[in-house]
């Protein structure tokens, strides 16, 4: 969705990839630190990371509603695509469950094993970004996302935020 939102905007793909890497490096940093016994976030706080994509989704929904009568061209001139910080926030929030999986793996892998895992994961982030951009720029997909992306992005982000909150047990849900 981010690649579709940033299509044909100068520097958008670079910001999206940077955001993906920033978010994933933050996930790795927290997991590595926790594997060595340092916990920055109590486990009870992790579900509340769902508030990040929820807030970004509400912001995107507000912008879509404000610009609801505009054509795609008018809407594109107003929106500059996602920022690296927005992408990083969603990546980090969505990676809360990854931290829970990585910590025990890293704790048993040792420093060398952790390094190998980190390098492989970071390479796969690049593959994931390439695949996302590839699919978002296919003509059929690009047309659909161009027409409905301003509705789908807020819907996906809000749903993701709510899913993280609910599955994590936030608010006693």
N, C-alpha and C. Protein backbone atom coordinates (compact mmCIF):
# COMPACT_ATOMS: atom_id res chain seq x y z
N UNK A 1 0.83 -1.19 0.00
CA UNK A 1 0.00 0.00 0.00
C UNK A 1 0.87 1.26 0.00
N UNK A 2 1.97 1.23 0.76
CA UNK A 2 2.83 2.41 0.79
C UNK A 2 3.43 2.70 -0.58
N UNK A 3 3.85 1.65 -1.29
CA UNK A 3 4.43 1.86 -2.62
C UNK A 3 3.37 2.39 -3.58
N UNK A 4 2.15 1.94 -3.45
CA UNK A 4 1.09 2.46 -4.31
C UNK A 4 0.81 3.92 -3.97
N UNK A 5 0.81 4.24 -2.69
CA UNK A 5 0.56 5.62 -2.27
C UNK A 5 1.67 6.54 -2.75
N UNK A 6 2.88 6.03 -2.82
CA UNK A 6 4.02 6.87 -3.20
C UNK A 6 4.38 6.79 -4.68
N UNK A 7 3.59 6.04 -5.46
CA UNK A 7 3.91 5.86 -6.88
C UNK A 7 4.00 7.21 -7.58
N UNK A 8 4.98 7.35 -8.44
CA UNK A 8 5.19 8.54 -9.27
C UNK A 8 5.50 9.79 -8.46
N UNK A 9 5.90 9.62 -7.22
CA UNK A 9 6.31 10.76 -6.41
C UNK A 9 7.81 10.67 -6.19
N UNK A 10 8.53 11.73 -6.52
CA UNK A 10 9.99 11.67 -6.39
C UNK A 10 10.43 11.34 -4.96
N UNK A 11 11.29 10.37 -4.84
CA UNK A 11 11.86 10.01 -3.54
C UNK A 11 10.97 9.15 -2.67
N UNK A 12 9.74 8.88 -3.08
CA UNK A 12 8.82 8.11 -2.23
C UNK A 12 9.33 6.70 -2.00
N UNK A 13 9.77 6.03 -3.05
CA UNK A 13 10.26 4.65 -2.89
C UNK A 13 11.45 4.63 -1.94
N UNK A 14 12.33 5.60 -2.04
CA UNK A 14 13.49 5.68 -1.16
C UNK A 14 13.04 5.87 0.30
N UNK A 15 12.04 6.73 0.52
CA UNK A 15 11.53 6.95 1.88
C UNK A 15 10.87 5.69 2.44
N UNK A 16 10.16 4.97 1.58
CA UNK A 16 9.48 3.74 2.03
C UNK A 16 10.51 2.69 2.41
N UNK A 17 11.51 2.48 1.57
CA UNK A 17 12.55 1.49 1.87
C UNK A 17 13.30 1.90 3.13
N UNK A 18 13.65 3.18 3.25
CA UNK A 18 14.32 3.66 4.45
C UNK A 18 13.46 3.41 5.69
N UNK A 19 12.18 3.69 5.60
CA UNK A 19 11.26 3.45 6.72
C UNK A 19 11.17 1.99 7.09
N UNK A 20 11.13 1.12 6.07
CA UNK A 20 11.11 -0.32 6.34
C UNK A 20 12.36 -0.73 7.11
N UNK A 21 13.51 -0.25 6.64
CA UNK A 21 14.76 -0.61 7.32
C UNK A 21 14.85 -0.01 8.72
N UNK A 22 14.42 1.24 8.88
CA UNK A 22 14.45 1.85 10.21
C UNK A 22 13.57 1.07 11.18
N UNK A 23 12.37 0.74 10.74
CA UNK A 23 11.46 -0.01 11.60
C UNK A 23 12.00 -1.39 11.93
N UNK A 24 12.57 -2.06 10.93
CA UNK A 24 13.07 -3.40 11.18
C UNK A 24 14.34 -3.40 12.03
N UNK A 25 15.19 -2.40 11.83
CA UNK A 25 16.39 -2.29 12.67
C UNK A 25 15.97 -2.04 14.12
N UNK A 26 14.93 -1.26 14.32
CA UNK A 26 14.43 -1.04 15.69
C UNK A 26 13.91 -2.34 16.29
N UNK A 27 13.21 -3.14 15.49
CA UNK A 27 12.73 -4.44 15.97
C UNK A 27 13.92 -5.32 16.36
N UNK A 28 14.92 -5.37 15.48
CA UNK A 28 16.11 -6.18 15.78
C UNK A 28 16.83 -5.68 17.03
N UNK A 29 16.95 -4.37 17.16
CA UNK A 29 17.65 -3.80 18.32
C UNK A 29 16.95 -4.18 19.63
N UNK A 30 15.65 -4.08 19.64
CA UNK A 30 14.90 -4.44 20.85
C UNK A 30 15.04 -5.94 21.13
N UNK A 31 14.95 -6.75 20.07
CA UNK A 31 15.05 -8.21 20.26
C UNK A 31 16.44 -8.61 20.73
N UNK A 32 17.47 -8.01 20.16
CA UNK A 32 18.85 -8.33 20.58
C UNK A 32 19.06 -7.90 22.03
N UNK A 33 18.63 -6.69 22.36
CA UNK A 33 18.79 -6.22 23.74
C UNK A 33 18.04 -7.12 24.71
N UNK A 34 16.83 -7.52 24.34
CA UNK A 34 16.04 -8.38 25.22
C UNK A 34 16.70 -9.77 25.35
N UNK A 35 17.32 -10.24 24.26
CA UNK A 35 18.00 -11.53 24.31
C UNK A 35 19.17 -11.50 25.29
N UNK A 36 19.76 -10.32 25.45
CA UNK A 36 20.85 -10.16 26.41
C UNK A 36 20.35 -9.76 27.79
N UNK A 37 19.02 -9.76 27.97
CA UNK A 37 18.45 -9.51 29.28
C UNK A 37 17.93 -8.10 29.52
N UNK A 38 18.14 -7.19 28.58
CA UNK A 38 17.64 -5.82 28.77
C UNK A 38 16.25 -5.72 28.14
N UNK A 39 15.30 -5.28 28.93
CA UNK A 39 13.96 -5.09 28.38
C UNK A 39 13.61 -3.61 28.45
N UNK A 40 13.34 -3.07 27.28
CA UNK A 40 13.00 -1.65 27.20
C UNK A 40 11.51 -1.44 27.38
N UNK A 41 10.74 -2.41 26.92
CA UNK A 41 9.29 -2.31 27.00
C UNK A 41 8.76 -3.51 27.78
N UNK A 42 7.96 -3.25 28.80
CA UNK A 42 7.32 -4.38 29.47
C UNK A 42 6.41 -5.09 28.46
N UNK A 43 6.27 -6.40 28.62
CA UNK A 43 5.46 -7.17 27.68
C UNK A 43 4.03 -6.66 27.61
N UNK A 44 3.53 -6.10 28.70
CA UNK A 44 2.16 -5.60 28.72
C UNK A 44 1.96 -4.37 27.85
N UNK A 45 3.05 -3.70 27.46
CA UNK A 45 2.97 -2.48 26.65
C UNK A 45 2.93 -2.80 25.15
N UNK A 46 3.46 -3.94 24.74
CA UNK A 46 3.60 -4.28 23.33
C UNK A 46 2.28 -4.21 22.56
N UNK A 47 1.16 -4.69 23.11
CA UNK A 47 -0.09 -4.57 22.34
C UNK A 47 -0.46 -3.12 22.00
N UNK A 48 -0.04 -2.19 22.83
CA UNK A 48 -0.39 -0.79 22.60
C UNK A 48 0.38 -0.17 21.44
N UNK A 49 1.35 -0.91 20.89
CA UNK A 49 2.01 -0.46 19.67
C UNK A 49 1.00 -0.38 18.52
N UNK A 50 -0.11 -1.07 18.66
CA UNK A 50 -1.19 -0.99 17.68
C UNK A 50 -1.77 0.40 17.54
N UNK A 51 -1.52 1.25 18.54
CA UNK A 51 -2.01 2.63 18.44
C UNK A 51 -1.30 3.41 17.33
N UNK A 52 -0.05 3.01 16.98
CA UNK A 52 0.69 3.71 15.92
C UNK A 52 0.00 3.56 14.56
N UNK A 53 -0.21 2.33 14.04
CA UNK A 53 -0.90 2.25 12.76
C UNK A 53 -2.34 2.73 12.83
N UNK A 54 -2.98 2.59 13.98
CA UNK A 54 -4.34 3.09 14.13
C UNK A 54 -4.36 4.61 13.95
N UNK A 55 -3.44 5.30 14.60
CA UNK A 55 -3.37 6.77 14.47
C UNK A 55 -3.04 7.18 13.04
N UNK A 56 -2.08 6.48 12.40
CA UNK A 56 -1.73 6.80 11.01
C UNK A 56 -2.90 6.51 10.08
N UNK A 57 -3.64 5.45 10.34
CA UNK A 57 -4.81 5.13 9.53
C UNK A 57 -5.90 6.17 9.69
N UNK A 58 -6.12 6.63 10.91
CA UNK A 58 -7.11 7.69 11.14
C UNK A 58 -6.69 8.99 10.45
N UNK A 59 -5.39 9.28 10.49
CA UNK A 59 -4.87 10.47 9.80
C UNK A 59 -5.10 10.35 8.29
N UNK A 60 -4.80 9.18 7.73
CA UNK A 60 -5.00 8.95 6.30
C UNK A 60 -6.48 9.01 5.94
N UNK A 61 -7.33 8.48 6.80
CA UNK A 61 -8.78 8.53 6.56
C UNK A 61 -9.26 9.98 6.57
N UNK A 62 -8.76 10.77 7.52
CA UNK A 62 -9.12 12.18 7.59
C UNK A 62 -8.71 12.90 6.31
N UNK A 63 -7.49 12.65 5.83
CA UNK A 63 -7.02 13.28 4.60
C UNK A 63 -7.85 12.84 3.40
N UNK A 64 -8.19 11.56 3.34
CA UNK A 64 -9.03 11.05 2.24
C UNK A 64 -10.40 11.71 2.27
N UNK A 65 -10.94 11.88 3.46
CA UNK A 65 -12.26 12.51 3.58
C UNK A 65 -12.19 13.98 3.19
N UNK A 66 -11.14 14.67 3.63
CA UNK A 66 -10.97 16.10 3.29
C UNK A 66 -10.85 16.32 1.79
N UNK A 67 -10.23 15.39 1.10
CA UNK A 67 -9.98 15.52 -0.34
C UNK A 67 -10.89 14.61 -1.16
N UNK A 68 -12.05 14.27 -0.61
CA UNK A 68 -12.93 13.27 -1.23
C UNK A 68 -13.47 13.66 -2.59
N UNK A 69 -13.63 14.93 -2.90
CA UNK A 69 -14.18 15.33 -4.19
C UNK A 69 -13.15 15.56 -5.26
N UNK A 70 -11.88 15.37 -4.92
CA UNK A 70 -10.81 15.67 -5.86
C UNK A 70 -10.50 14.47 -6.74
N UNK A 71 -9.97 14.75 -7.92
CA UNK A 71 -9.54 13.68 -8.82
C UNK A 71 -8.22 13.13 -8.31
N UNK A 72 -7.79 12.00 -8.90
CA UNK A 72 -6.52 11.39 -8.50
C UNK A 72 -5.37 12.38 -8.66
N UNK A 73 -5.33 13.13 -9.74
CA UNK A 73 -4.26 14.10 -9.98
C UNK A 73 -4.23 15.20 -8.94
N UNK A 74 -5.41 15.71 -8.58
CA UNK A 74 -5.47 16.75 -7.54
C UNK A 74 -5.04 16.19 -6.19
N UNK A 75 -5.49 14.97 -5.88
CA UNK A 75 -5.14 14.35 -4.61
C UNK A 75 -3.63 14.10 -4.54
N UNK A 76 -3.02 13.65 -5.66
CA UNK A 76 -1.59 13.38 -5.68
C UNK A 76 -0.76 14.63 -5.46
N UNK A 77 -1.24 15.77 -5.96
CA UNK A 77 -0.47 16.99 -5.79
C UNK A 77 -0.47 17.46 -4.34
N UNK A 78 -1.49 17.07 -3.58
CA UNK A 78 -1.58 17.46 -2.17
C UNK A 78 -0.76 16.51 -1.29
N UNK A 79 -0.83 15.21 -1.58
CA UNK A 79 -0.15 14.22 -0.76
C UNK A 79 1.22 13.92 -1.34
N UNK A 80 2.22 13.87 -0.50
CA UNK A 80 3.57 13.59 -0.97
C UNK A 80 3.98 12.15 -0.79
N UNK A 81 3.06 11.29 -0.40
CA UNK A 81 3.40 9.91 -0.13
C UNK A 81 3.82 9.75 1.31
N UNK A 82 4.04 8.51 1.73
CA UNK A 82 4.38 8.26 3.13
C UNK A 82 5.79 8.73 3.46
N UNK A 83 5.97 9.16 4.70
CA UNK A 83 7.31 9.54 5.15
C UNK A 83 8.01 8.30 5.69
N UNK A 84 9.32 8.37 5.78
CA UNK A 84 10.10 7.25 6.32
C UNK A 84 9.69 6.96 7.76
N UNK A 85 9.38 8.00 8.52
CA UNK A 85 8.99 7.82 9.93
C UNK A 85 7.65 7.09 10.02
N UNK A 86 6.70 7.45 9.15
CA UNK A 86 5.40 6.76 9.15
C UNK A 86 5.56 5.28 8.83
N UNK A 87 6.35 4.99 7.81
CA UNK A 87 6.59 3.59 7.42
C UNK A 87 7.31 2.86 8.55
N UNK A 88 8.30 3.48 9.16
CA UNK A 88 9.03 2.86 10.26
C UNK A 88 8.10 2.58 11.44
N UNK A 89 7.22 3.51 11.74
CA UNK A 89 6.29 3.32 12.87
C UNK A 89 5.37 2.13 12.63
N UNK A 90 4.84 2.02 11.42
CA UNK A 90 3.96 0.90 11.10
C UNK A 90 4.76 -0.41 11.12
N UNK A 91 5.96 -0.39 10.57
CA UNK A 91 6.80 -1.59 10.56
C UNK A 91 7.10 -2.04 11.98
N UNK A 92 7.48 -1.10 12.84
CA UNK A 92 7.81 -1.44 14.23
C UNK A 92 6.58 -1.95 14.97
N UNK A 93 5.46 -1.25 14.81
CA UNK A 93 4.24 -1.66 15.51
C UNK A 93 3.80 -3.05 15.06
N UNK A 94 3.92 -3.31 13.77
CA UNK A 94 3.51 -4.61 13.24
C UNK A 94 4.51 -5.70 13.63
N UNK A 95 5.69 -5.32 14.08
CA UNK A 95 6.72 -6.29 14.42
C UNK A 95 6.77 -6.67 15.88
N UNK A 96 5.81 -6.23 16.67
CA UNK A 96 5.80 -6.57 18.09
C UNK A 96 5.81 -8.07 18.33
N UNK A 97 5.05 -8.80 17.51
CA UNK A 97 5.04 -10.25 17.66
C UNK A 97 6.37 -10.86 17.21
N UNK A 98 7.04 -10.21 16.25
CA UNK A 98 8.36 -10.69 15.81
C UNK A 98 9.35 -10.64 16.97
N UNK A 99 9.27 -9.58 17.76
CA UNK A 99 10.18 -9.44 18.90
C UNK A 99 10.02 -10.64 19.84
N UNK A 100 8.78 -11.02 20.08
CA UNK A 100 8.51 -12.17 20.95
C UNK A 100 9.09 -13.46 20.41
N UNK A 101 9.17 -13.59 19.08
CA UNK A 101 9.75 -14.79 18.47
C UNK A 101 11.26 -14.69 18.43
N UNK A 102 11.78 -13.52 18.10
CA UNK A 102 13.23 -13.36 17.93
C UNK A 102 14.00 -13.48 19.24
N UNK A 103 13.43 -13.02 20.34
CA UNK A 103 14.16 -13.00 21.61
C UNK A 103 14.65 -14.40 22.00
N UNK A 104 13.78 -15.41 22.07
CA UNK A 104 14.30 -16.73 22.46
C UNK A 104 15.27 -17.32 21.42
N UNK A 105 15.02 -17.04 20.14
CA UNK A 105 15.93 -17.53 19.09
C UNK A 105 17.29 -16.87 19.26
N UNK A 106 17.31 -15.55 19.43
CA UNK A 106 18.57 -14.83 19.59
C UNK A 106 19.28 -15.24 20.87
N UNK A 107 18.52 -15.46 21.93
CA UNK A 107 19.13 -15.82 23.22
C UNK A 107 19.87 -17.14 23.13
N UNK A 108 19.41 -18.05 22.29
CA UNK A 108 20.07 -19.35 22.17
C UNK A 108 21.07 -19.39 21.02
N UNK A 109 21.04 -18.41 20.13
CA UNK A 109 21.90 -18.43 18.94
C UNK A 109 23.31 -17.91 19.20
N UNK A 110 23.48 -17.13 20.24
CA UNK A 110 24.79 -16.53 20.49
C UNK A 110 25.04 -15.37 19.54
N UNK A 111 26.15 -14.66 19.75
CA UNK A 111 26.44 -13.45 18.96
C UNK A 111 26.61 -13.76 17.47
N UNK A 112 27.30 -14.84 17.15
CA UNK A 112 27.51 -15.20 15.74
C UNK A 112 26.20 -15.54 15.05
N UNK A 113 25.40 -16.34 15.71
CA UNK A 113 24.09 -16.72 15.15
C UNK A 113 23.18 -15.52 14.98
N UNK A 114 23.19 -14.63 15.99
CA UNK A 114 22.38 -13.41 15.89
C UNK A 114 22.78 -12.58 14.69
N UNK A 115 24.08 -12.49 14.46
CA UNK A 115 24.59 -11.71 13.32
C UNK A 115 24.09 -12.29 12.01
N UNK A 116 24.14 -13.61 11.89
CA UNK A 116 23.67 -14.26 10.67
C UNK A 116 22.17 -14.01 10.49
N UNK A 117 21.40 -14.21 11.55
CA UNK A 117 19.96 -13.94 11.47
C UNK A 117 19.70 -12.50 11.05
N UNK A 118 20.39 -11.56 11.67
CA UNK A 118 20.17 -10.14 11.37
C UNK A 118 20.48 -9.84 9.90
N UNK A 119 21.58 -10.34 9.39
CA UNK A 119 21.94 -10.10 8.00
C UNK A 119 20.89 -10.69 7.06
N UNK A 120 20.49 -11.92 7.33
CA UNK A 120 19.47 -12.57 6.49
C UNK A 120 18.16 -11.78 6.55
N UNK A 121 17.74 -11.38 7.73
CA UNK A 121 16.49 -10.62 7.87
C UNK A 121 16.58 -9.30 7.10
N UNK A 122 17.71 -8.63 7.21
CA UNK A 122 17.85 -7.34 6.52
C UNK A 122 17.87 -7.50 5.00
N UNK A 123 18.46 -8.58 4.52
CA UNK A 123 18.41 -8.86 3.09
C UNK A 123 16.96 -9.12 2.66
N UNK A 124 16.23 -9.87 3.48
CA UNK A 124 14.85 -10.19 3.15
C UNK A 124 13.94 -8.96 3.21
N UNK A 125 14.28 -7.96 4.03
CA UNK A 125 13.53 -6.70 4.01
C UNK A 125 13.66 -6.07 2.62
N UNK A 126 14.86 -6.11 2.06
CA UNK A 126 15.07 -5.58 0.71
C UNK A 126 14.24 -6.34 -0.32
N UNK A 127 14.22 -7.67 -0.20
CA UNK A 127 13.42 -8.49 -1.11
C UNK A 127 11.94 -8.14 -0.96
N UNK A 128 11.49 -7.98 0.27
CA UNK A 128 10.09 -7.62 0.56
C UNK A 128 9.76 -6.26 -0.08
N UNK A 129 10.66 -5.30 0.06
CA UNK A 129 10.44 -3.98 -0.53
C UNK A 129 10.39 -4.07 -2.06
N UNK A 130 11.31 -4.83 -2.64
CA UNK A 130 11.31 -5.01 -4.09
C UNK A 130 9.99 -5.62 -4.55
N UNK A 131 9.53 -6.66 -3.86
CA UNK A 131 8.27 -7.32 -4.23
C UNK A 131 7.09 -6.36 -4.07
N UNK A 132 7.08 -5.59 -2.99
CA UNK A 132 6.00 -4.62 -2.79
C UNK A 132 5.94 -3.59 -3.89
N UNK A 133 7.09 -3.07 -4.24
CA UNK A 133 7.13 -2.07 -5.32
C UNK A 133 6.76 -2.70 -6.65
N UNK A 134 7.26 -3.90 -6.90
CA UNK A 134 6.96 -4.60 -8.15
C UNK A 134 5.45 -4.77 -8.31
N UNK A 135 4.79 -5.31 -7.30
CA UNK A 135 3.35 -5.56 -7.42
C UNK A 135 2.54 -4.27 -7.46
N UNK A 136 2.96 -3.27 -6.70
CA UNK A 136 2.22 -2.00 -6.67
C UNK A 136 2.32 -1.24 -8.00
N UNK A 137 3.33 -1.56 -8.82
CA UNK A 137 3.49 -0.85 -10.09
C UNK A 137 3.03 -1.66 -11.29
N UNK A 138 2.45 -2.84 -11.08
CA UNK A 138 1.87 -3.59 -12.21
C UNK A 138 0.63 -2.82 -12.66
N UNK A 139 0.41 -2.68 -13.98
CA UNK A 139 -0.68 -1.83 -14.48
C UNK A 139 -2.05 -2.12 -13.87
N UNK A 140 -2.44 -3.38 -13.80
CA UNK A 140 -3.75 -3.71 -13.26
C UNK A 140 -3.84 -3.34 -11.78
N UNK A 141 -2.82 -3.72 -11.02
CA UNK A 141 -2.78 -3.41 -9.59
C UNK A 141 -2.68 -1.91 -9.39
N UNK A 142 -1.83 -1.25 -10.18
CA UNK A 142 -1.64 0.21 -10.03
C UNK A 142 -2.94 0.95 -10.30
N UNK A 143 -3.70 0.53 -11.32
CA UNK A 143 -4.98 1.19 -11.60
C UNK A 143 -5.95 1.03 -10.44
N UNK A 144 -6.03 -0.21 -9.92
CA UNK A 144 -6.94 -0.47 -8.80
C UNK A 144 -6.52 0.34 -7.57
N UNK A 145 -5.22 0.35 -7.29
CA UNK A 145 -4.74 1.09 -6.11
C UNK A 145 -4.87 2.59 -6.31
N UNK A 146 -4.72 3.04 -7.55
CA UNK A 146 -4.89 4.46 -7.83
C UNK A 146 -6.33 4.88 -7.57
N UNK A 147 -7.23 4.00 -7.94
CA UNK A 147 -8.66 4.31 -7.76
C UNK A 147 -9.10 4.15 -6.31
N UNK A 148 -8.62 3.11 -5.62
CA UNK A 148 -9.12 2.78 -4.29
C UNK A 148 -8.08 2.90 -3.18
N UNK A 149 -6.83 3.23 -3.52
CA UNK A 149 -5.78 3.28 -2.51
C UNK A 149 -6.03 4.26 -1.39
N UNK A 150 -6.65 5.40 -1.72
CA UNK A 150 -6.93 6.41 -0.69
C UNK A 150 -7.95 5.91 0.33
N UNK A 151 -8.71 4.87 -0.03
CA UNK A 151 -9.65 4.25 0.90
C UNK A 151 -8.99 3.03 1.56
N UNK A 152 -8.24 2.25 0.76
CA UNK A 152 -7.63 1.02 1.28
C UNK A 152 -6.55 1.28 2.32
N UNK A 153 -5.70 2.29 2.10
CA UNK A 153 -4.61 2.55 3.04
C UNK A 153 -5.14 2.82 4.45
N UNK A 154 -6.08 3.75 4.63
CA UNK A 154 -6.59 3.95 6.00
C UNK A 154 -7.25 2.69 6.55
N UNK A 155 -7.98 1.97 5.70
CA UNK A 155 -8.65 0.76 6.14
C UNK A 155 -7.64 -0.29 6.60
N UNK A 156 -6.58 -0.49 5.85
CA UNK A 156 -5.55 -1.47 6.22
C UNK A 156 -4.85 -1.04 7.51
N UNK A 157 -4.47 0.23 7.61
CA UNK A 157 -3.76 0.69 8.81
C UNK A 157 -4.64 0.63 10.06
N UNK A 158 -5.89 1.04 9.93
CA UNK A 158 -6.81 0.99 11.07
C UNK A 158 -7.05 -0.47 11.47
N UNK A 159 -7.26 -1.34 10.49
CA UNK A 159 -7.47 -2.76 10.78
C UNK A 159 -6.24 -3.37 11.45
N UNK A 160 -5.07 -3.04 10.94
CA UNK A 160 -3.83 -3.55 11.52
C UNK A 160 -3.68 -3.08 12.96
N UNK A 161 -3.93 -1.80 13.20
CA UNK A 161 -3.84 -1.26 14.56
C UNK A 161 -4.80 -1.95 15.50
N UNK A 162 -6.05 -2.13 15.06
CA UNK A 162 -7.05 -2.80 15.90
C UNK A 162 -6.68 -4.27 16.13
N UNK A 163 -6.17 -4.93 15.10
CA UNK A 163 -5.77 -6.32 15.24
C UNK A 163 -4.65 -6.46 16.27
N UNK A 164 -3.66 -5.58 16.21
CA UNK A 164 -2.55 -5.63 17.17
C UNK A 164 -3.08 -5.39 18.58
N UNK A 165 -3.96 -4.43 18.73
CA UNK A 165 -4.53 -4.13 20.05
C UNK A 165 -5.34 -5.30 20.59
N UNK A 166 -6.22 -5.85 19.77
CA UNK A 166 -7.11 -6.92 20.22
C UNK A 166 -6.33 -8.22 20.47
N UNK A 167 -5.48 -8.62 19.51
CA UNK A 167 -4.74 -9.88 19.70
C UNK A 167 -3.74 -9.79 20.85
N UNK A 168 -3.27 -8.58 21.13
CA UNK A 168 -2.33 -8.42 22.23
C UNK A 168 -3.00 -8.32 23.58
N UNK A 169 -4.32 -8.22 23.58
CA UNK A 169 -5.05 -8.14 24.84
C UNK A 169 -5.12 -6.76 25.44
N UNK A 170 -4.90 -5.74 24.62
CA UNK A 170 -4.99 -4.36 25.13
C UNK A 170 -6.43 -4.07 25.54
N UNK A 171 -6.58 -3.25 26.52
CA UNK A 171 -7.88 -2.82 27.02
C UNK A 171 -8.74 -3.99 27.50
N UNK A 172 -8.10 -5.11 27.83
CA UNK A 172 -8.82 -6.27 28.32
C UNK A 172 -9.65 -6.96 27.26
N UNK A 173 -9.35 -6.70 25.97
CA UNK A 173 -10.14 -7.31 24.88
C UNK A 173 -9.65 -8.70 24.56
